[in-house]
Amino acid sequence: TPRAAMLCPLAGIALGFLCLGFIFGVFQTPAIGILP
């Protein structure tokens, strides 16, 4: 399997499930989320 095919699903999981939702949560409670 090409390296791109092995890595991009992980990148998609990272973008959708690890980054977006949690970044939204940080900016929903900016007082306790942004500085950390």
PDB file of all heavy atoms in Angstrom:
ATOM      1  N   THR A   1       0.832  -1.199   0.000  1.00  0.00           N
ATOM      2  CA  THR A   1       0.000   0.000   0.000  1.00  0.00           C
ATOM      3  C   THR A   1       0.869   1.252   0.000  1.00  0.00           C
ATOM      4  O   THR A   1       1.817   1.347   0.781  1.00  0.00           O
ATOM      5  CB  THR A   1      -0.922   0.016   1.234  1.00  0.00           C
ATOM      6  OG1 THR A   1      -1.690  -1.184   1.259  1.00  0.00           O
ATOM      7  CG2 THR A   1      -1.854   1.210   1.196  1.00  0.00           C
ATOM      8  N   PRO A   2       0.580   2.226  -0.873  1.00  0.00           N
ATOM      9  CA  PRO A   2       1.356   3.480  -0.878  1.00  0.00           C
ATOM     10  C   PRO A   2       1.314   4.166   0.485  1.00  0.00           C
ATOM     11  O   PRO A   2       0.310   4.071   1.212  1.00  0.00           O
ATOM     12  CB  PRO A   2       0.655   4.326  -1.944  1.00  0.00           C
ATOM     13  CG  PRO A   2      -0.084   3.366  -2.795  1.00  0.00           C
ATOM     14  CD  PRO A   2      -0.471   2.230  -1.897  1.00  0.00           C
ATOM     15  N   ARG A   3       2.393   4.839   0.787  1.00  0.00           N
ATOM     16  CA  ARG A   3       2.480   5.514   2.090  1.00  0.00           C
ATOM     17  C   ARG A   3       1.367   6.531   2.273  1.00  0.00           C
ATOM     18  O   ARG A   3       0.822   6.688   3.375  1.00  0.00           O
ATOM     19  CB  ARG A   3       3.855   6.173   2.217  1.00  0.00           C
ATOM     20  CG  ARG A   3       4.086   6.867   3.541  1.00  0.00           C
ATOM     21  CD  ARG A   3       5.552   7.190   3.734  1.00  0.00           C
ATOM     22  NE  ARG A   3       6.332   5.985   3.989  1.00  0.00           N
ATOM     23  CZ  ARG A   3       7.652   5.976   4.127  1.00  0.00           C
ATOM     24  NH1 ARG A   3       8.335   7.106   4.032  1.00  0.00           N
ATOM     25  NH2 ARG A   3       8.284   4.847   4.367  1.00  0.00           N
ATOM     26  N   ALA A   4       0.993   7.221   1.202  1.00  0.00           N
ATOM     27  CA  ALA A   4      -0.081   8.215   1.307  1.00  0.00           C
ATOM     28  C   ALA A   4      -1.373   7.562   1.767  1.00  0.00           C
ATOM     29  O   ALA A   4      -2.118   8.110   2.587  1.00  0.00           O
ATOM     30  CB  ALA A   4      -0.284   8.908  -0.040  1.00  0.00           C
ATOM     31  N   ALA A   5      -1.660   6.347   1.256  1.00  0.00           N
ATOM     32  CA  ALA A   5      -2.891   5.651   1.624  1.00  0.00           C
ATOM     33  C   ALA A   5      -2.843   5.147   3.059  1.00  0.00           C
ATOM     34  O   ALA A   5      -3.892   4.984   3.696  1.00  0.00           O
ATOM     35  CB  ALA A   5      -3.144   4.487   0.670  1.00  0.00           C
ATOM     36  N   MET A   6      -1.654   4.883   3.576  1.00  0.00           N
ATOM     37  CA  MET A   6      -1.526   4.420   4.952  1.00  0.00           C
ATOM     38  C   MET A   6      -1.661   5.564   5.948  1.00  0.00           C
ATOM     39  O   MET A   6      -2.157   5.390   7.059  1.00  0.00           O
ATOM     40  CB  MET A   6      -0.177   3.727   5.144  1.00  0.00           C
ATOM     41  CG  MET A   6       0.007   2.468   4.312  1.00  0.00           C
ATOM     42  SD  MET A   6      -1.154   1.165   4.751  1.00  0.00           S
ATOM     43  CE  MET A   6      -0.511   0.679   6.344  1.00  0.00           C
ATOM     44  N   LEU A   7      -1.220   6.759   5.533  1.00  0.00           N
ATOM     45  CA  LEU A   7      -1.155   7.869   6.475  1.00  0.00           C
ATOM     46  C   LEU A   7      -2.368   8.795   6.420  1.00  0.00           C
ATOM     47  O   LEU A   7      -2.752   9.366   7.436  1.00  0.00           O
ATOM     48  CB  LEU A   7       0.118   8.696   6.224  1.00  0.00           C
ATOM     49  CG  LEU A   7       1.445   7.980   6.498  1.00  0.00           C
ATOM     50  CD1 LEU A   7       2.617   8.912   6.193  1.00  0.00           C
ATOM     51  CD2 LEU A   7       1.526   7.495   7.935  1.00  0.00           C
ATOM     52  N   CYS A   8      -2.976   8.955   5.233  1.00  0.00           N
ATOM     53  CA  CYS A   8      -4.036   9.957   5.147  1.00  0.00           C
ATOM     54  C   CYS A   8      -5.289   9.596   5.949  1.00  0.00           C
ATOM     55  O   CYS A   8      -5.948  10.516   6.471  1.00  0.00           O
ATOM     56  CB  CYS A   8      -4.377  10.279   3.698  1.00  0.00           C
ATOM     57  SG  CYS A   8      -5.274   8.989   2.835  1.00  0.00           S
ATOM     58  N   PRO A   9      -5.677   8.304   6.102  1.00  0.00           N
ATOM     59  CA  PRO A   9      -6.819   8.045   6.988  1.00  0.00           C
ATOM     60  C   PRO A   9      -6.550   8.486   8.423  1.00  0.00           C
ATOM     61  O   PRO A   9      -7.441   9.001   9.100  1.00  0.00           O
ATOM     62  CB  PRO A   9      -6.998   6.523   6.887  1.00  0.00           C
ATOM     63  CG  PRO A   9      -6.438   6.168   5.558  1.00  0.00           C
ATOM     64  CD  PRO A   9      -5.256   7.080   5.395  1.00  0.00           C
ATOM     65  N   LEU A  10      -5.319   8.294   8.890  1.00  0.00           N
ATOM     66  CA  LEU A  10      -4.978   8.776  10.229  1.00  0.00           C
ATOM     67  C   LEU A  10      -5.092  10.293  10.302  1.00  0.00           C
ATOM     68  O   LEU A  10      -5.567  10.852  11.285  1.00  0.00           O
ATOM     69  CB  LEU A  10      -3.554   8.349  10.590  1.00  0.00           C
ATOM     70  CG  LEU A  10      -3.325   6.874  10.916  1.00  0.00           C
ATOM     71  CD1 LEU A  10      -1.860   6.642  11.241  1.00  0.00           C
ATOM     72  CD2 LEU A  10      -4.199   6.438  12.072  1.00  0.00           C
ATOM     73  N   ALA A  11      -4.624  10.959   9.233  1.00  0.00           N
ATOM     74  CA  ALA A  11      -4.709  12.415   9.209  1.00  0.00           C
ATOM     75  C   ALA A  11      -6.164  12.871   9.217  1.00  0.00           C
ATOM     76  O   ALA A  11      -6.514  13.867   9.865  1.00  0.00           O
ATOM     77  CB  ALA A  11      -3.989  12.958   7.976  1.00  0.00           C
ATOM     78  N   GLY A  12      -7.035  12.133   8.508  1.00  0.00           N
ATOM     79  CA  GLY A  12      -8.452  12.478   8.513  1.00  0.00           C
ATOM     80  C   GLY A  12      -9.088  12.291   9.876  1.00  0.00           C
ATOM     81  O   GLY A  12      -9.888  13.129  10.327  1.00  0.00           O
ATOM     82  N   ILE A  13      -8.744  11.189  10.545  1.00  0.00           N
ATOM     83  CA  ILE A  13      -9.225  10.973  11.911  1.00  0.00           C
ATOM     84  C   ILE A  13      -8.734  12.095  12.820  1.00  0.00           C
ATOM     85  O   ILE A  13      -9.480  12.631  13.652  1.00  0.00           O
ATOM     86  CB  ILE A  13      -8.755   9.608  12.429  1.00  0.00           C
ATOM     87  CG1 ILE A  13      -9.462   8.480  11.674  1.00  0.00           C
ATOM     88  CG2 ILE A  13      -9.035   9.468  13.935  1.00  0.00           C
ATOM     89  CD1 ILE A  13      -8.941   7.108  12.012  1.00  0.00           C
ATOM     90  N   ALA A  14      -7.458  12.451  12.646  1.00  0.00           N
ATOM     91  CA  ALA A  14      -6.886  13.501  13.488  1.00  0.00           C
ATOM     92  C   ALA A  14      -7.598  14.828  13.277  1.00  0.00           C
ATOM     93  O   ALA A  14      -7.915  15.538  14.231  1.00  0.00           O
ATOM     94  CB  ALA A  14      -5.397  13.652  13.172  1.00  0.00           C
ATOM     95  N   LEU A  15      -7.861  15.161  12.005  1.00  0.00           N
ATOM     96  CA  LEU A  15      -8.508  16.434  11.713  1.00  0.00           C
ATOM     97  C   LEU A  15      -9.929  16.473  12.262  1.00  0.00           C
ATOM     98  O   LEU A  15     -10.317  17.426  12.946  1.00  0.00           O
ATOM     99  CB  LEU A  15      -8.519  16.668  10.198  1.00  0.00           C
ATOM    100  CG  LEU A  15      -9.270  17.917   9.712  1.00  0.00           C
ATOM    101  CD1 LEU A  15      -8.670  19.178  10.321  1.00  0.00           C
ATOM    102  CD2 LEU A  15      -9.254  17.988   8.193  1.00  0.00           C
ATOM    103  N   GLY A  16     -10.709  15.430  11.961  1.00  0.00           N
ATOM    104  CA  GLY A  16     -12.111  15.463  12.337  1.00  0.00           C
ATOM    105  C   GLY A  16     -12.364  15.215  13.806  1.00  0.00           C
ATOM    106  O   GLY A  16     -13.080  15.983  14.457  1.00  0.00           O
ATOM    107  N   PHE A  17     -11.751  14.147  14.346  1.00  0.00           N
ATOM    108  CA  PHE A  17     -12.115  13.698  15.684  1.00  0.00           C
ATOM    109  C   PHE A  17     -11.185  14.226  16.777  1.00  0.00           C
ATOM    110  O   PHE A  17     -11.590  14.313  17.935  1.00  0.00           O
ATOM    111  CB  PHE A  17     -12.145  12.169  15.729  1.00  0.00           C
ATOM    112  CG  PHE A  17     -13.247  11.588  14.896  1.00  0.00           C
ATOM    113  CD1 PHE A  17     -13.020  11.209  13.594  1.00  0.00           C
ATOM    114  CD2 PHE A  17     -14.517  11.442  15.417  1.00  0.00           C
ATOM    115  CE1 PHE A  17     -14.039  10.669  12.812  1.00  0.00           C
ATOM    116  CE2 PHE A  17     -15.547  10.912  14.653  1.00  0.00           C
ATOM    117  CZ  PHE A  17     -15.301  10.532  13.348  1.00  0.00           C
ATOM    118  N   LEU A  18      -9.939  14.537  16.442  1.00  0.00           N
ATOM    119  CA  LEU A  18      -9.021  15.014  17.471  1.00  0.00           C
ATOM    120  C   LEU A  18      -8.898  16.525  17.497  1.00  0.00           C
ATOM    121  O   LEU A  18      -8.619  17.106  18.536  1.00  0.00           O
ATOM    122  CB  LEU A  18      -7.626  14.403  17.272  1.00  0.00           C
ATOM    123  CG  LEU A  18      -7.529  12.881  17.281  1.00  0.00           C
ATOM    124  CD1 LEU A  18      -6.066  12.453  17.283  1.00  0.00           C
ATOM    125  CD2 LEU A  18      -8.248  12.294  18.476  1.00  0.00           C
ATOM    126  N   CYS A  19      -9.079  17.176  16.348  1.00  0.00           N
ATOM    127  CA  CYS A  19      -8.829  18.618  16.284  1.00  0.00           C
ATOM    128  C   CYS A  19     -10.112  19.445  16.304  1.00  0.00           C
ATOM    129  O   CYS A  19     -10.327  20.248  17.210  1.00  0.00           O
ATOM    130  CB  CYS A  19      -8.007  18.957  15.039  1.00  0.00           C
ATOM    131  SG  CYS A  19      -6.311  18.324  15.094  1.00  0.00           S
ATOM    132  N   LEU A  20     -10.984  19.237  15.304  1.00  0.00           N
ATOM    133  CA  LEU A  20     -12.106  20.152  15.131  1.00  0.00           C
ATOM    134  C   LEU A  20     -13.007  20.224  16.353  1.00  0.00           C
ATOM    135  O   LEU A  20     -13.278  21.298  16.879  1.00  0.00           O
ATOM    136  CB  LEU A  20     -12.908  19.752  13.894  1.00  0.00           C
ATOM    137  CG  LEU A  20     -12.206  19.974  12.552  1.00  0.00           C
ATOM    138  CD1 LEU A  20     -13.099  19.499  11.410  1.00  0.00           C
ATOM    139  CD2 LEU A  20     -11.835  21.423  12.362  1.00  0.00           C
ATOM    140  N   GLY A  21     -13.488  19.064  16.806  1.00  0.00           N
ATOM    141  CA  GLY A  21     -14.417  19.078  17.928  1.00  0.00           C
ATOM    142  C   GLY A  21     -13.822  19.682  19.180  1.00  0.00           C
ATOM    143  O   GLY A  21     -14.481  20.452  19.892  1.00  0.00           O
ATOM    144  N   PHE A  22     -12.548  19.355  19.437  1.00  0.00           N
ATOM    145  CA  PHE A  22     -11.919  19.861  20.652  1.00  0.00           C
ATOM    146  C   PHE A  22     -11.568  21.340  20.536  1.00  0.00           C
ATOM    147  O   PHE A  22     -11.629  22.073  21.522  1.00  0.00           O
ATOM    148  CB  PHE A  22     -10.678  19.031  20.985  1.00  0.00           C
ATOM    149  CG  PHE A  22     -11.014  17.667  21.512  1.00  0.00           C
ATOM    150  CD1 PHE A  22     -10.871  16.547  20.734  1.00  0.00           C
ATOM    151  CD2 PHE A  22     -11.505  17.514  22.798  1.00  0.00           C
ATOM    152  CE1 PHE A  22     -11.198  15.286  21.208  1.00  0.00           C
ATOM    153  CE2 PHE A  22     -11.834  16.261  23.294  1.00  0.00           C
ATOM    154  CZ  PHE A  22     -11.688  15.147  22.495  1.00  0.00           C
ATOM    155  N   ILE A  23     -11.197  21.782  19.334  1.00  0.00           N
ATOM    156  CA  ILE A  23     -10.942  23.215  19.163  1.00  0.00           C
ATOM    157  C   ILE A  23     -12.233  24.006  19.369  1.00  0.00           C
ATOM    158  O   ILE A  23     -12.236  25.074  19.998  1.00  0.00           O
ATOM    159  CB  ILE A  23     -10.336  23.487  17.776  1.00  0.00           C
ATOM    160  CG1 ILE A  23      -8.880  23.014  17.749  1.00  0.00           C
ATOM    161  CG2 ILE A  23     -10.404  24.970  17.425  1.00  0.00           C
ATOM    162  CD1 ILE A  23      -8.185  23.210  16.419  1.00  0.00           C
ATOM    163  N   PHE A  24     -13.342  23.488  18.857  1.00  0.00           N
ATOM    164  CA  PHE A  24     -14.619  24.154  19.102  1.00  0.00           C
ATOM    165  C   PHE A  24     -14.903  24.228  20.599  1.00  0.00           C
ATOM    166  O   PHE A  24     -15.398  25.239  21.103  1.00  0.00           O
ATOM    167  CB  PHE A  24     -15.758  23.390  18.405  1.00  0.00           C
ATOM    168  CG  PHE A  24     -15.649  23.369  16.897  1.00  0.00           C
ATOM    169  CD1 PHE A  24     -16.336  22.423  16.159  1.00  0.00           C
ATOM    170  CD2 PHE A  24     -14.872  24.300  16.231  1.00  0.00           C
ATOM    171  CE1 PHE A  24     -16.240  22.396  14.776  1.00  0.00           C
ATOM    172  CE2 PHE A  24     -14.762  24.278  14.843  1.00  0.00           C
ATOM    173  CZ  PHE A  24     -15.452  23.331  14.113  1.00  0.00           C
ATOM    174  N   GLY A  25     -14.599  23.142  21.314  1.00  0.00           N
ATOM    175  CA  GLY A  25     -14.817  23.139  22.754  1.00  0.00           C
ATOM    176  C   GLY A  25     -13.948  24.158  23.474  1.00  0.00           C
ATOM    177  O   GLY A  25     -14.388  24.812  24.429  1.00  0.00           O
ATOM    178  N   VAL A  26     -12.704  24.300  23.012  1.00  0.00           N
ATOM    179  CA  VAL A  26     -11.802  25.292  23.615  1.00  0.00           C
ATOM    180  C   VAL A  26     -12.367  26.692  23.470  1.00  0.00           C
ATOM    181  O   VAL A  26     -12.377  27.494  24.423  1.00  0.00           O
ATOM    182  CB  VAL A  26     -10.400  25.203  22.972  1.00  0.00           C
ATOM    183  CG1 VAL A  26      -9.563  26.432  23.318  1.00  0.00           C
ATOM    184  CG2 VAL A  26      -9.688  23.937  23.441  1.00  0.00           C
ATOM    185  N   PHE A  27     -12.865  27.025  22.276  1.00  0.00           N
ATOM    186  CA  PHE A  27     -13.363  28.380  22.058  1.00  0.00           C
ATOM    187  C   PHE A  27     -14.777  28.579  22.582  1.00  0.00           C
ATOM    188  O   PHE A  27     -15.253  29.709  22.639  1.00  0.00           O
ATOM    189  CB  PHE A  27     -13.275  28.728  20.563  1.00  0.00           C
ATOM    190  CG  PHE A  27     -11.872  29.062  20.135  1.00  0.00           C
ATOM    191  CD1 PHE A  27     -11.032  28.076  19.661  1.00  0.00           C
ATOM    192  CD2 PHE A  27     -11.396  30.348  20.242  1.00  0.00           C
ATOM    193  CE1 PHE A  27      -9.730  28.367  19.292  1.00  0.00           C
ATOM    194  CE2 PHE A  27     -10.090  30.658  19.881  1.00  0.00           C
ATOM    195  CZ  PHE A  27      -9.249  29.667  19.401  1.00  0.00           C
ATOM    196  N   GLN A  28     -15.432  27.484  22.971  1.00  0.00           N
ATOM    197  CA  GLN A  28     -16.709  27.631  23.664  1.00  0.00           C
ATOM    198  C   GLN A  28     -16.492  28.025  25.111  1.00  0.00           C
ATOM    199  O   GLN A  28     -17.322  28.712  25.710  1.00  0.00           O
ATOM    200  CB  GLN A  28     -17.503  26.325  23.587  1.00  0.00           C
ATOM    201  CG  GLN A  28     -18.856  26.392  24.266  1.00  0.00           C
ATOM    202  CD  GLN A  28     -19.724  25.202  23.950  1.00  0.00           C
ATOM    203  OE1 GLN A  28     -20.266  25.099  22.862  1.00  0.00           O
ATOM    204  NE2 GLN A  28     -19.849  24.278  24.897  1.00  0.00           N
ATOM    205  N   THR A  29     -15.357  27.595  25.693  1.00  0.00           N
ATOM    206  CA  THR A  29     -14.983  27.992  27.058  1.00  0.00           C
ATOM    207  C   THR A  29     -13.586  28.610  27.006  1.00  0.00           C
ATOM    208  O   THR A  29     -12.620  28.045  27.530  1.00  0.00           O
ATOM    209  CB  THR A  29     -14.992  26.771  27.995  1.00  0.00           C
ATOM    210  OG1 THR A  29     -14.156  25.745  27.428  1.00  0.00           O
ATOM    211  CG2 THR A  29     -16.387  26.229  28.172  1.00  0.00           C
ATOM    212  N   PRO A  30     -13.460  29.768  26.371  1.00  0.00           N
ATOM    213  CA  PRO A  30     -12.118  30.337  26.135  1.00  0.00           C
ATOM    214  C   PRO A  30     -11.355  30.666  27.402  1.00  0.00           C
ATOM    215  O   PRO A  30     -10.126  30.602  27.418  1.00  0.00           O
ATOM    216  CB  PRO A  30     -12.416  31.605  25.316  1.00  0.00           C
ATOM    217  CG  PRO A  30     -13.832  31.959  25.662  1.00  0.00           C
ATOM    218  CD  PRO A  30     -14.524  30.658  25.883  1.00  0.00           C
ATOM    219  N   ALA A  31     -12.058  30.990  28.463  1.00  0.00           N
ATOM    220  CA  ALA A  31     -11.374  31.399  29.690  1.00  0.00           C
ATOM    221  C   ALA A  31     -10.506  30.285  30.252  1.00  0.00           C
ATOM    222  O   ALA A  31      -9.453  30.545  30.846  1.00  0.00           O
ATOM    223  CB  ALA A  31     -12.387  31.859  30.735  1.00  0.00           C
ATOM    224  N   ILE A  32     -10.926  29.027  30.070  1.00  0.00           N
ATOM    225  CA  ILE A  32     -10.143  27.927  30.632  1.00  0.00           C
ATOM    226  C   ILE A  32      -9.421  27.110  29.567  1.00  0.00           C
ATOM    227  O   ILE A  32      -8.606  26.249  29.893  1.00  0.00           O
ATOM    228  CB  ILE A  32     -11.039  26.969  31.464  1.00  0.00           C
ATOM    229  CG1 ILE A  32     -12.080  26.288  30.576  1.00  0.00           C
ATOM    230  CG2 ILE A  32     -11.703  27.713  32.599  1.00  0.00           C
ATOM    231  CD1 ILE A  32     -12.901  25.252  31.310  1.00  0.00           C
ATOM    232  N   GLY A  33      -9.682  27.375  28.283  1.00  0.00           N
ATOM    233  CA  GLY A  33      -9.107  26.546  27.238  1.00  0.00           C
ATOM    234  C   GLY A  33      -7.997  27.163  26.409  1.00  0.00           C
ATOM    235  O   GLY A  33      -7.067  26.460  25.990  1.00  0.00           O
ATOM    236  N   ILE A  34      -8.059  28.474  26.176  1.00  0.00           N
ATOM    237  CA  ILE A  34      -7.126  29.071  25.223  1.00  0.00           C
ATOM    238  C   ILE A  34      -5.703  29.137  25.777  1.00  0.00           C
ATOM    239  O   ILE A  34      -4.740  28.764  25.088  1.00  0.00           O
ATOM    240  CB  ILE A  34      -7.609  30.476  24.807  1.00  0.00           C
ATOM    241  CG1 ILE A  34      -8.852  30.354  23.924  1.00  0.00           C
ATOM    242  CG2 ILE A  34      -6.506  31.229  24.053  1.00  0.00           C
ATOM    243  CD1 ILE A  34      -9.398  31.675  23.432  1.00  0.00           C
ATOM    244  N   LEU A  35      -5.514  29.632  27.003  1.00  0.00           N
ATOM    245  CA  LEU A  35      -4.158  29.777  27.540  1.00  0.00           C
ATOM    246  C   LEU A  35      -3.435  28.439  27.643  1.00  0.00           C
ATOM    247  O   LEU A  35      -2.261  28.338  27.228  1.00  0.00           O
ATOM    248  CB  LEU A  35      -4.194  30.478  28.902  1.00  0.00           C
ATOM    249  CG  LEU A  35      -2.821  30.711  29.561  1.00  0.00           C
ATOM    250  CD1 LEU A  35      -1.898  31.504  28.634  1.00  0.00           C
ATOM    251  CD2 LEU A  35      -2.978  31.412  30.906  1.00  0.00           C
ATOM    252  N   PRO A  36      -4.044  27.354  28.178  1.00  0.00           N
ATOM    253  CA  PRO A  36      -3.341  26.065  28.161  1.00  0.00           C
ATOM    254  C   PRO A  36      -2.961  25.612  26.751  1.00  0.00           C
ATOM    255  O   PRO A  36      -1.889  25.030  26.558  1.00  0.00           O
ATOM    256  CB  PRO A  36      -4.361  25.109  28.792  1.00  0.00           C
ATOM    257  CG  PRO A  36      -5.190  25.966  29.668  1.00  0.00           C
ATOM    258  CD  PRO A  36      -5.312  27.271  28.939  1.00  0.00           C
TER     259      PRO A  36
END
